[in-house]
Amino acid sequence: MNQDERRFDFHGLGLALKRAREEKGWTQAYVAELVDRDSRTIMNIENKGQYEL
């Protein structure tokens, strides 16, 4: 069983996302709903700069 464990560094994107989200007054939950992802995914991208496929 070969599991795909690719990780991408989204640190810069995460910082930009957080900044833009906060400027608009949006919550992580709202952004997650817009992009059809879990709010924990948005949190991980913003804070850790990571997204696992």
PDB file of N, CA and C in Angstrom:
ATOM      1  N   MET A   1       0.835  -1.188   0.000  1.00  0.00           N
ATOM      2  CA  MET A   1       0.000   0.000   0.000  1.00  0.00           C
ATOM      3  C   MET A   1       0.872   1.240   0.000  1.00  0.00           C
ATOM      4  N   ASN A   2       0.820   1.974  -1.071  1.00  0.00           N
ATOM      5  CA  ASN A   2       1.595   3.199  -1.194  1.00  0.00           C
ATOM      6  C   ASN A   2       0.662   4.386  -1.017  1.00  0.00           C
ATOM      7  N   GLN A   3       0.828   5.111   0.067  1.00  0.00           N
ATOM      8  CA  GLN A   3      -0.027   6.248   0.359  1.00  0.00           C
ATOM      9  C   GLN A   3       0.654   7.527  -0.106  1.00  0.00           C
ATOM     10  N   ASP A   4      -0.111   8.377  -0.787  1.00  0.00           N
ATOM     11  CA  ASP A   4       0.403   9.656  -1.266  1.00  0.00           C
ATOM     12  C   ASP A   4       0.545  10.599  -0.073  1.00  0.00           C
ATOM     13  N   GLU A   5       1.771  10.974   0.262  1.00  0.00           N
ATOM     14  CA  GLU A   5       2.011  11.827   1.416  1.00  0.00           C
ATOM     15  C   GLU A   5       2.697  13.129   1.013  1.00  0.00           C
ATOM     16  N   ARG A   6       2.316  13.670  -0.148  1.00  0.00           N
ATOM     17  CA  ARG A   6       2.913  14.926  -0.589  1.00  0.00           C
ATOM     18  C   ARG A   6       2.454  16.067   0.315  1.00  0.00           C
ATOM     19  N   ARG A   7       3.368  16.958   0.606  1.00  0.00           N
ATOM     20  CA  ARG A   7       3.061  18.164   1.375  1.00  0.00           C
ATOM     21  C   ARG A   7       3.582  19.357   0.597  1.00  0.00           C
ATOM     22  N   PHE A   8       2.818  20.406   0.622  1.00  0.00           N
ATOM     23  CA  PHE A   8       3.201  21.622  -0.074  1.00  0.00           C
ATOM     24  C   PHE A   8       3.351  22.751   0.939  1.00  0.00           C
ATOM     25  N   ASP A   9       4.300  23.641   0.708  1.00  0.00           N
ATOM     26  CA  ASP A   9       4.523  24.768   1.594  1.00  0.00           C
ATOM     27  C   ASP A   9       3.691  25.954   1.119  1.00  0.00           C
ATOM     28  N   PHE A  10       2.642  26.244   1.850  1.00  0.00           N
ATOM     29  CA  PHE A  10       1.750  27.348   1.536  1.00  0.00           C
ATOM     30  C   PHE A  10       1.898  28.483   2.544  1.00  0.00           C
ATOM     31  N   HIS A  11       3.071  28.607   3.169  1.00  0.00           N
ATOM     32  CA  HIS A  11       3.238  29.590   4.234  1.00  0.00           C
ATOM     33  C   HIS A  11       2.916  31.008   3.754  1.00  0.00           C
ATOM     34  N   GLY A  12       3.467  31.411   2.636  1.00  0.00           N
ATOM     35  CA  GLY A  12       3.194  32.754   2.100  1.00  0.00           C
ATOM     36  C   GLY A  12       1.734  32.938   1.751  1.00  0.00           C
ATOM     37  N   LEU A  13       1.143  31.921   1.134  1.00  0.00           N
ATOM     38  CA  LEU A  13      -0.278  31.964   0.796  1.00  0.00           C
ATOM     39  C   LEU A  13      -1.118  32.033   2.066  1.00  0.00           C
ATOM     40  N   GLY A  14      -0.725  31.261   3.076  1.00  0.00           N
ATOM     41  CA  GLY A  14      -1.455  31.262   4.337  1.00  0.00           C
ATOM     42  C   GLY A  14      -1.464  32.627   5.003  1.00  0.00           C
ATOM     43  N   LEU A  15      -0.319  33.286   4.995  1.00  0.00           N
ATOM     44  CA  LEU A  15      -0.239  34.627   5.585  1.00  0.00           C
ATOM     45  C   LEU A  15      -1.101  35.623   4.811  1.00  0.00           C
ATOM     46  N   ALA A  16      -1.081  35.526   3.488  1.00  0.00           N
ATOM     47  CA  ALA A  16      -1.894  36.424   2.662  1.00  0.00           C
ATOM     48  C   ALA A  16      -3.385  36.139   2.860  1.00  0.00           C
ATOM     49  N   LEU A  17      -3.737  34.873   2.958  1.00  0.00           N
ATOM     50  CA  LEU A  17      -5.126  34.492   3.182  1.00  0.00           C
ATOM     51  C   LEU A  17      -5.623  35.046   4.517  1.00  0.00           C
ATOM     52  N   LYS A  18      -4.829  34.868   5.555  1.00  0.00           N
ATOM     53  CA  LYS A  18      -5.212  35.341   6.890  1.00  0.00           C
ATOM     54  C   LYS A  18      -5.380  36.856   6.902  1.00  0.00           C
ATOM     55  N   ARG A  19      -4.438  37.547   6.295  1.00  0.00           N
ATOM     56  CA  ARG A  19      -4.492  39.010   6.249  1.00  0.00           C
ATOM     57  C   ARG A  19      -5.754  39.488   5.518  1.00  0.00           C
ATOM     58  N   ALA A  20      -6.018  38.921   4.350  1.00  0.00           N
ATOM     59  CA  ALA A  20      -7.187  39.315   3.556  1.00  0.00           C
ATOM     60  C   ALA A  20      -8.487  38.950   4.278  1.00  0.00           C
ATOM     61  N   ARG A  21      -8.508  37.781   4.894  1.00  0.00           N
ATOM     62  CA  ARG A  21      -9.701  37.332   5.613  1.00  0.00           C
ATOM     63  C   ARG A  21     -10.003  38.272   6.775  1.00  0.00           C
ATOM     64  N   GLU A  22      -8.985  38.628   7.527  1.00  0.00           N
ATOM     65  CA  GLU A  22      -9.177  39.514   8.672  1.00  0.00           C
ATOM     66  C   GLU A  22      -9.592  40.923   8.244  1.00  0.00           C
ATOM     67  N   GLU A  23      -9.049  41.408   7.122  1.00  0.00           N
ATOM     68  CA  GLU A  23      -9.429  42.731   6.620  1.00  0.00           C
ATOM     69  C   GLU A  23     -10.913  42.786   6.274  1.00  0.00           C
ATOM     70  N   LYS A  24     -11.445  41.673   5.789  1.00  0.00           N
ATOM     71  CA  LYS A  24     -12.856  41.612   5.427  1.00  0.00           C
ATOM     72  C   LYS A  24     -13.749  41.258   6.608  1.00  0.00           C
ATOM     73  N   GLY A  25     -13.137  40.872   7.728  1.00  0.00           N
ATOM     74  CA  GLY A  25     -13.918  40.495   8.893  1.00  0.00           C
ATOM     75  C   GLY A  25     -14.525  39.104   8.783  1.00  0.00           C
ATOM     76  N   TRP A  26     -13.937  38.279   7.927  1.00  0.00           N
ATOM     77  CA  TRP A  26     -14.462  36.923   7.713  1.00  0.00           C
ATOM     78  C   TRP A  26     -13.835  35.961   8.719  1.00  0.00           C
ATOM     79  N   THR A  27     -14.579  34.935   9.091  1.00  0.00           N
ATOM     80  CA  THR A  27     -14.058  33.880   9.953  1.00  0.00           C
ATOM     81  C   THR A  27     -13.440  32.783   9.105  1.00  0.00           C
ATOM     82  N   GLN A  28     -12.638  31.949   9.747  1.00  0.00           N
ATOM     83  CA  GLN A  28     -12.083  30.792   9.049  1.00  0.00           C
ATOM     84  C   GLN A  28     -13.201  29.868   8.591  1.00  0.00           C
ATOM     85  N   ALA A  29     -14.243  29.748   9.391  1.00  0.00           N
ATOM     86  CA  ALA A  29     -15.381  28.894   9.036  1.00  0.00           C
ATOM     87  C   ALA A  29     -16.074  29.403   7.771  1.00  0.00           C
ATOM     88  N   TYR A  30     -16.202  30.723   7.640  1.00  0.00           N
ATOM     89  CA  TYR A  30     -16.837  31.296   6.459  1.00  0.00           C
ATOM     90  C   TYR A  30     -16.005  31.035   5.201  1.00  0.00           C
ATOM     91  N   VAL A  31     -14.693  31.247   5.298  1.00  0.00           N
ATOM     92  CA  VAL A  31     -13.807  30.990   4.163  1.00  0.00           C
ATOM     93  C   VAL A  31     -13.852  29.506   3.790  1.00  0.00           C
ATOM     94  N   ALA A  32     -13.854  28.643   4.790  1.00  0.00           N
ATOM     95  CA  ALA A  32     -13.919  27.205   4.544  1.00  0.00           C
ATOM     96  C   ALA A  32     -15.184  26.841   3.776  1.00  0.00           C
ATOM     97  N   GLU A  33     -16.289  27.463   4.145  1.00  0.00           N
ATOM     98  CA  GLU A  33     -17.550  27.207   3.444  1.00  0.00           C
ATOM     99  C   GLU A  33     -17.466  27.679   1.998  1.00  0.00           C
ATOM    100  N   LEU A  34     -16.842  28.838   1.770  1.00  0.00           N
ATOM    101  CA  LEU A  34     -16.710  29.375   0.412  1.00  0.00           C
ATOM    102  C   LEU A  34     -15.923  28.436  -0.502  1.00  0.00           C
ATOM    103  N   VAL A  35     -14.893  27.797   0.040  1.00  0.00           N
ATOM    104  CA  VAL A  35     -14.019  26.953  -0.781  1.00  0.00           C
ATOM    105  C   VAL A  35     -14.282  25.456  -0.588  1.00  0.00           C
ATOM    106  N   ASP A  36     -15.356  25.131   0.114  1.00  0.00           N
ATOM    107  CA  ASP A  36     -15.782  23.747   0.326  1.00  0.00           C
ATOM    108  C   ASP A  36     -14.693  22.903   0.985  1.00  0.00           C
ATOM    109  N   ARG A  37     -14.156  23.437   2.081  1.00  0.00           N
ATOM    110  CA  ARG A  37     -13.157  22.740   2.889  1.00  0.00           C
ATOM    111  C   ARG A  37     -13.550  22.851   4.357  1.00  0.00           C
ATOM    112  N   ASP A  38     -12.900  22.078   5.185  1.00  0.00           N
ATOM    113  CA  ASP A  38     -13.118  22.122   6.619  1.00  0.00           C
ATOM    114  C   ASP A  38     -12.389  23.333   7.201  1.00  0.00           C
ATOM    115  N   SER A  39     -12.938  23.927   8.253  1.00  0.00           N
ATOM    116  CA  SER A  39     -12.290  25.100   8.851  1.00  0.00           C
ATOM    117  C   SER A  39     -10.916  24.757   9.408  1.00  0.00           C
ATOM    118  N   ARG A  40     -10.696  23.499   9.787  1.00  0.00           N
ATOM    119  CA  ARG A  40      -9.359  23.094  10.253  1.00  0.00           C
ATOM    120  C   ARG A  40      -8.343  23.178   9.126  1.00  0.00           C
ATOM    121  N   THR A  41      -8.782  22.936   7.894  1.00  0.00           N
ATOM    122  CA  THR A  41      -7.889  23.051   6.744  1.00  0.00           C
ATOM    123  C   THR A  41      -7.430  24.497   6.582  1.00  0.00           C
ATOM    124  N   ILE A  42      -8.369  25.431   6.700  1.00  0.00           N
ATOM    125  CA  ILE A  42      -8.022  26.848   6.590  1.00  0.00           C
ATOM    126  C   ILE A  42      -7.079  27.241   7.719  1.00  0.00           C
ATOM    127  N   MET A  43      -7.360  26.758   8.920  1.00  0.00           N
ATOM    128  CA  MET A  43      -6.497  27.045  10.063  1.00  0.00           C
ATOM    129  C   MET A  43      -5.076  26.534   9.810  1.00  0.00           C
ATOM    130  N   ASN A  44      -4.940  25.308   9.294  1.00  0.00           N
ATOM    131  CA  ASN A  44      -3.616  24.750   9.029  1.00  0.00           C
ATOM    132  C   ASN A  44      -2.877  25.539   7.961  1.00  0.00           C
ATOM    133  N   ILE A  45      -3.577  25.952   6.926  1.00  0.00           N
ATOM    134  CA  ILE A  45      -2.935  26.737   5.869  1.00  0.00           C
ATOM    135  C   ILE A  45      -2.466  28.077   6.424  1.00  0.00           C
ATOM    136  N   GLU A  46      -3.324  28.735   7.199  1.00  0.00           N
ATOM    137  CA  GLU A  46      -2.965  30.047   7.746  1.00  0.00           C
ATOM    138  C   GLU A  46      -1.843  29.964   8.778  1.00  0.00           C
ATOM    139  N   ASN A  47      -1.924  29.020   9.670  1.00  0.00           N
ATOM    140  CA  ASN A  47      -0.997  28.986  10.801  1.00  0.00           C
ATOM    141  C   ASN A  47       0.265  28.170  10.555  1.00  0.00           C
ATOM    142  N   LYS A  48       0.136  27.091   9.845  1.00  0.00           N
ATOM    143  CA  LYS A  48       1.291  26.218   9.622  1.00  0.00           C
ATOM    144  C   LYS A  48       1.817  26.281   8.202  1.00  0.00           C
ATOM    145  N   GLY A  49       1.006  26.838   7.298  1.00  0.00           N
ATOM    146  CA  GLY A  49       1.409  26.901   5.901  1.00  0.00           C
ATOM    147  C   GLY A  49       1.435  25.551   5.243  1.00  0.00           C
ATOM    148  N   GLN A  50       0.627  24.627   5.729  1.00  0.00           N
ATOM    149  CA  GLN A  50       0.642  23.263   5.184  1.00  0.00           C
ATOM    150  C   GLN A  50      -0.738  22.845   4.704  1.00  0.00           C
ATOM    151  N   TYR A  51      -0.725  22.070   3.643  1.00  0.00           N
ATOM    152  CA  TYR A  51      -1.948  21.442   3.166  1.00  0.00           C
ATOM    153  C   TYR A  51      -1.563  20.065   2.674  1.00  0.00           C
ATOM    154  N   GLU A  52      -2.185  19.046   3.199  1.00  0.00           N
ATOM    155  CA  GLU A  52      -1.891  17.661   2.805  1.00  0.00           C
ATOM    156  C   GLU A  52      -2.900  17.206   1.781  1.00  0.00           C
ATOM    157  N   LEU A  53      -2.403  16.597   0.724  1.00  0.00           N
ATOM    158  CA  LEU A  53      -3.296  16.036  -0.299  1.00  0.00           C
ATOM    159  C   LEU A  53      -3.742  14.659   0.112  1.00  0.00           C
TER     160      LEU A  53
END
